[in-house]
Each structure stands twice: as C-alpha cells, then as structure tokens.
Amino acid sequence: MSGAFEPALEVVYARSVRMVGRRIADEFLIVPLAARGADVDSIYDLNPVAAFIWEQIDGRRDGRAIVAALVERFEVDTATAERDYLGLVAQLLSIDAVRPAG
C-alpha cells in the first residue's frame, strides 16, 4: 500500500462529491457519479459497520471521534474499531471515495 492511501486517526476525511451512498432495502451501496462507462460497474456494497463509518465521515469529525462512535454503537473494543475504521478508510482512499478534508 502506498503512503498516499495510509489513513490516520488524526485526519478528518470528507466523502468525495463523485460518490453517493444509498440505503436500498437492507443493503447500503456506494455508487460513483461519473460519466465514464467503466465507473458504472464500480458499485460497492457495504456491511453495517462500513455503512456506519461512511455515514460518519462528514468532513468535520476525525478518526478518533468516529472510532468512539463505533465503540458505542457496535459495543466493540477500541482496537477492533480502529482496525475496522483504518481498513475501510484505506479502501475508500484507494477508490477516491474519500479525501482529507480542508
């Protein structure tokens, strides 16, 4: 993984304006908003934890605040919540779904 895709808890991330999240029935999808035909095939189905993280990424809260919300919402330990958060943010960075805010 390159340095460009290594997330940090201290960083505030914002969702890309090129991606939109939608809850459809019991699924949560991230869909790219792009004119390129290849992007239409890039729809991402998020599990409940990933969907919660996506919804928390708002350009105002840093990773520590989102991890604290994960611990409270899913009753997991901090280490697990940090690992889940950082892993998802790394994936989101790699597909340009999020970017550092500011």
C-alpha atoms as a PDB file:
ATOM      1  CA  MET A   1       0.000   0.000   0.000  1.00  0.00           C
ATOM      2  CA  SER A   2       1.449   3.366  -0.941  1.00  0.00           C
ATOM      3  CA  GLY A   3       1.793   6.206   1.538  1.00  0.00           C
ATOM      4  CA  ALA A   4      -0.988   8.110  -0.210  1.00  0.00           C
ATOM      5  CA  PHE A   5      -3.510   5.509   0.963  1.00  0.00           C
ATOM      6  CA  GLU A   6      -2.435   5.145   4.581  1.00  0.00           C
ATOM      7  CA  PRO A   7      -5.138   6.720   6.743  1.00  0.00           C
ATOM      8  CA  ALA A   8      -4.576   8.200  10.177  1.00  0.00           C
ATOM      9  CA  LEU A   9      -6.921   8.641  13.115  1.00  0.00           C
ATOM     10  CA  GLU A  10      -5.939  12.309  13.460  1.00  0.00           C
ATOM     11  CA  VAL A  11      -7.083  13.175   9.935  1.00  0.00           C
ATOM     12  CA  VAL A  12     -10.541  14.496   9.119  1.00  0.00           C
ATOM     13  CA  TYR A  13     -11.866  12.925   5.928  1.00  0.00           C
ATOM     14  CA  ALA A  14     -14.675  14.068   3.654  1.00  0.00           C
ATOM     15  CA  ARG A  15     -16.689  11.991   1.216  1.00  0.00           C
ATOM     16  CA  SER A  16     -15.973  12.605  -2.446  1.00  0.00           C
ATOM     17  CA  VAL A  17     -18.602  14.533  -4.388  1.00  0.00           C
ATOM     18  CA  ARG A  18     -18.119  11.848  -7.042  1.00  0.00           C
ATOM     19  CA  MET A  19     -19.659   9.150  -4.817  1.00  0.00           C
ATOM     20  CA  VAL A  20     -23.075   8.808  -3.254  1.00  0.00           C
ATOM     21  CA  GLY A  21     -24.240   6.397  -0.574  1.00  0.00           C
ATOM     22  CA  ARG A  22     -27.737   4.923  -0.691  1.00  0.00           C
ATOM     23  CA  ARG A  23     -29.604   2.520   1.552  1.00  0.00           C
ATOM     24  CA  ILE A  24     -31.712   0.153  -0.531  1.00  0.00           C
ATOM     25  CA  ALA A  25     -33.782  -2.335   1.453  1.00  0.00           C
ATOM     26  CA  ASP A  26     -31.272  -3.999   3.810  1.00  0.00           C
ATOM     27  CA  GLU A  27     -28.202  -3.012   1.802  1.00  0.00           C
ATOM     28  CA  PHE A  28     -26.051   0.120   1.758  1.00  0.00           C
ATOM     29  CA  LEU A  29     -24.380   0.919  -1.537  1.00  0.00           C
ATOM     30  CA  ILE A  30     -21.751   3.442  -2.619  1.00  0.00           C
ATOM     31  CA  VAL A  31     -22.198   4.416  -6.230  1.00  0.00           C
ATOM     32  CA  PRO A  32     -19.870   6.597  -8.307  1.00  0.00           C
ATOM     33  CA  LEU A  33     -21.433   9.601 -10.018  1.00  0.00           C
ATOM     34  CA  ALA A  34     -19.422   9.685 -13.206  1.00  0.00           C
ATOM     35  CA  ALA A  35     -19.893   9.941 -16.923  1.00  0.00           C
ATOM     36  CA  ARG A  36     -17.351   7.239 -17.696  1.00  0.00           C
ATOM     37  CA  GLY A  37     -18.969   3.905 -18.510  1.00  0.00           C
ATOM     38  CA  ALA A  38     -16.355   1.919 -16.579  1.00  0.00           C
ATOM     39  CA  ASP A  39     -17.428   3.598 -13.319  1.00  0.00           C
ATOM     40  CA  VAL A  40     -20.949   2.192 -13.628  1.00  0.00           C
ATOM     41  CA  ASP A  41     -19.517  -1.230 -12.815  1.00  0.00           C
ATOM     42  CA  SER A  42     -17.989   0.106  -9.592  1.00  0.00           C
ATOM     43  CA  ILE A  43     -20.850  -0.194  -7.104  1.00  0.00           C
ATOM     44  CA  TYR A  44     -19.755  -1.053  -3.567  1.00  0.00           C
ATOM     45  CA  ASP A  45     -21.977  -2.944  -1.111  1.00  0.00           C
ATOM     46  CA  LEU A  46     -21.123  -2.044   2.494  1.00  0.00           C
ATOM     47  CA  ASN A  47     -21.733  -4.146   5.576  1.00  0.00           C
ATOM     48  CA  PRO A  48     -23.414  -2.432   8.577  1.00  0.00           C
ATOM     49  CA  VAL A  49     -20.106  -1.370  10.178  1.00  0.00           C
ATOM     50  CA  ALA A  50     -18.757   0.044   6.909  1.00  0.00           C
ATOM     51  CA  ALA A  51     -22.056   1.827   6.221  1.00  0.00           C
ATOM     52  CA  PHE A  52     -21.920   3.403   9.696  1.00  0.00           C
ATOM     53  CA  ILE A  53     -18.351   4.604   9.096  1.00  0.00           C
ATOM     54  CA  TRP A  54     -19.302   6.013   5.664  1.00  0.00           C
ATOM     55  CA  GLU A  55     -22.171   7.953   7.223  1.00  0.00           C
ATOM     56  CA  GLN A  56     -19.875   9.321   9.975  1.00  0.00           C
ATOM     57  CA  ILE A  57     -17.276  10.635   7.506  1.00  0.00           C
ATOM     58  CA  ASP A  58     -18.535  14.193   7.149  1.00  0.00           C
ATOM     59  CA  GLY A  59     -15.517  16.472   6.806  1.00  0.00           C
ATOM     60  CA  ARG A  60     -15.792  17.570  10.464  1.00  0.00           C
ATOM     61  CA  ARG A  61     -15.025  14.506  12.623  1.00  0.00           C
ATOM     62  CA  ASP A  62     -11.607  12.925  12.819  1.00  0.00           C
ATOM     63  CA  GLY A  63     -10.965   9.212  13.033  1.00  0.00           C
ATOM     64  CA  ARG A  64     -10.813   9.195  16.823  1.00  0.00           C
ATOM     65  CA  ALA A  65     -14.363  10.602  17.061  1.00  0.00           C
ATOM     66  CA  ILE A  66     -15.628   8.051  14.549  1.00  0.00           C
ATOM     67  CA  VAL A  67     -13.878   5.207  16.380  1.00  0.00           C
ATOM     68  CA  ALA A  68     -15.511   6.334  19.644  1.00  0.00           C
ATOM     69  CA  ALA A  69     -18.904   6.290  17.899  1.00  0.00           C
ATOM     70  CA  LEU A  70     -18.156   2.780  16.575  1.00  0.00           C
ATOM     71  CA  VAL A  71     -17.274   1.531  20.054  1.00  0.00           C
ATOM     72  CA  GLU A  72     -20.533   2.915  21.421  1.00  0.00           C
ATOM     73  CA  ARG A  73     -22.782   1.799  18.544  1.00  0.00           C
ATOM     74  CA  PHE A  74     -21.413  -1.715  17.998  1.00  0.00           C
ATOM     75  CA  GLU A  75     -20.072  -2.431  21.501  1.00  0.00           C
ATOM     76  CA  VAL A  76     -16.622  -3.430  20.252  1.00  0.00           C
ATOM     77  CA  ASP A  77     -13.251  -2.699  21.807  1.00  0.00           C
ATOM     78  CA  THR A  78     -11.275   0.333  20.666  1.00  0.00           C
ATOM     79  CA  ALA A  79      -8.542  -1.699  18.945  1.00  0.00           C
ATOM     80  CA  THR A  80     -11.098  -3.519  16.784  1.00  0.00           C
ATOM     81  CA  ALA A  81     -12.919  -0.278  15.964  1.00  0.00           C
ATOM     82  CA  GLU A  82      -9.630   1.411  14.992  1.00  0.00           C
ATOM     83  CA  ARG A  83      -8.662  -1.517  12.765  1.00  0.00           C
ATOM     84  CA  ASP A  84     -12.096  -1.526  11.065  1.00  0.00           C
ATOM     85  CA  TYR A  85     -12.050   2.251  10.572  1.00  0.00           C
ATOM     86  CA  LEU A  86      -8.496   2.455   9.218  1.00  0.00           C
ATOM     87  CA  GLY A  87      -9.036  -0.546   6.929  1.00  0.00           C
ATOM     88  CA  LEU A  88     -12.182   0.894   5.399  1.00  0.00           C
ATOM     89  CA  VAL A  89     -10.725   4.388   5.022  1.00  0.00           C
ATOM     90  CA  ALA A  90      -7.704   2.900   3.228  1.00  0.00           C
ATOM     91  CA  GLN A  91     -10.054   1.171   0.782  1.00  0.00           C
ATOM     92  CA  LEU A  92     -12.135   4.337   0.338  1.00  0.00           C
ATOM     93  CA  LEU A  93      -8.989   6.383  -0.322  1.00  0.00           C
ATOM     94  CA  SER A  94      -7.828   3.872  -2.924  1.00  0.00           C
ATOM     95  CA  ILE A  95     -11.050   4.313  -4.943  1.00  0.00           C
ATOM     96  CA  ASP A  96     -11.195   8.094  -4.415  1.00  0.00           C
ATOM     97  CA  ALA A  97     -14.391   7.810  -2.368  1.00  0.00           C
ATOM     98  CA  VAL A  98     -12.949   9.982   0.428  1.00  0.00           C
ATOM     99  CA  ARG A  99     -10.204  12.574   0.730  1.00  0.00           C
ATOM    100  CA  PRO A 100      -8.613  14.517   3.571  1.00  0.00           C
ATOM    101  CA  ALA A 101     -10.847  17.483   4.409  1.00  0.00           C
ATOM    102  CA  GLY A 102      -9.626  21.023   4.059  1.00  0.00           C
END
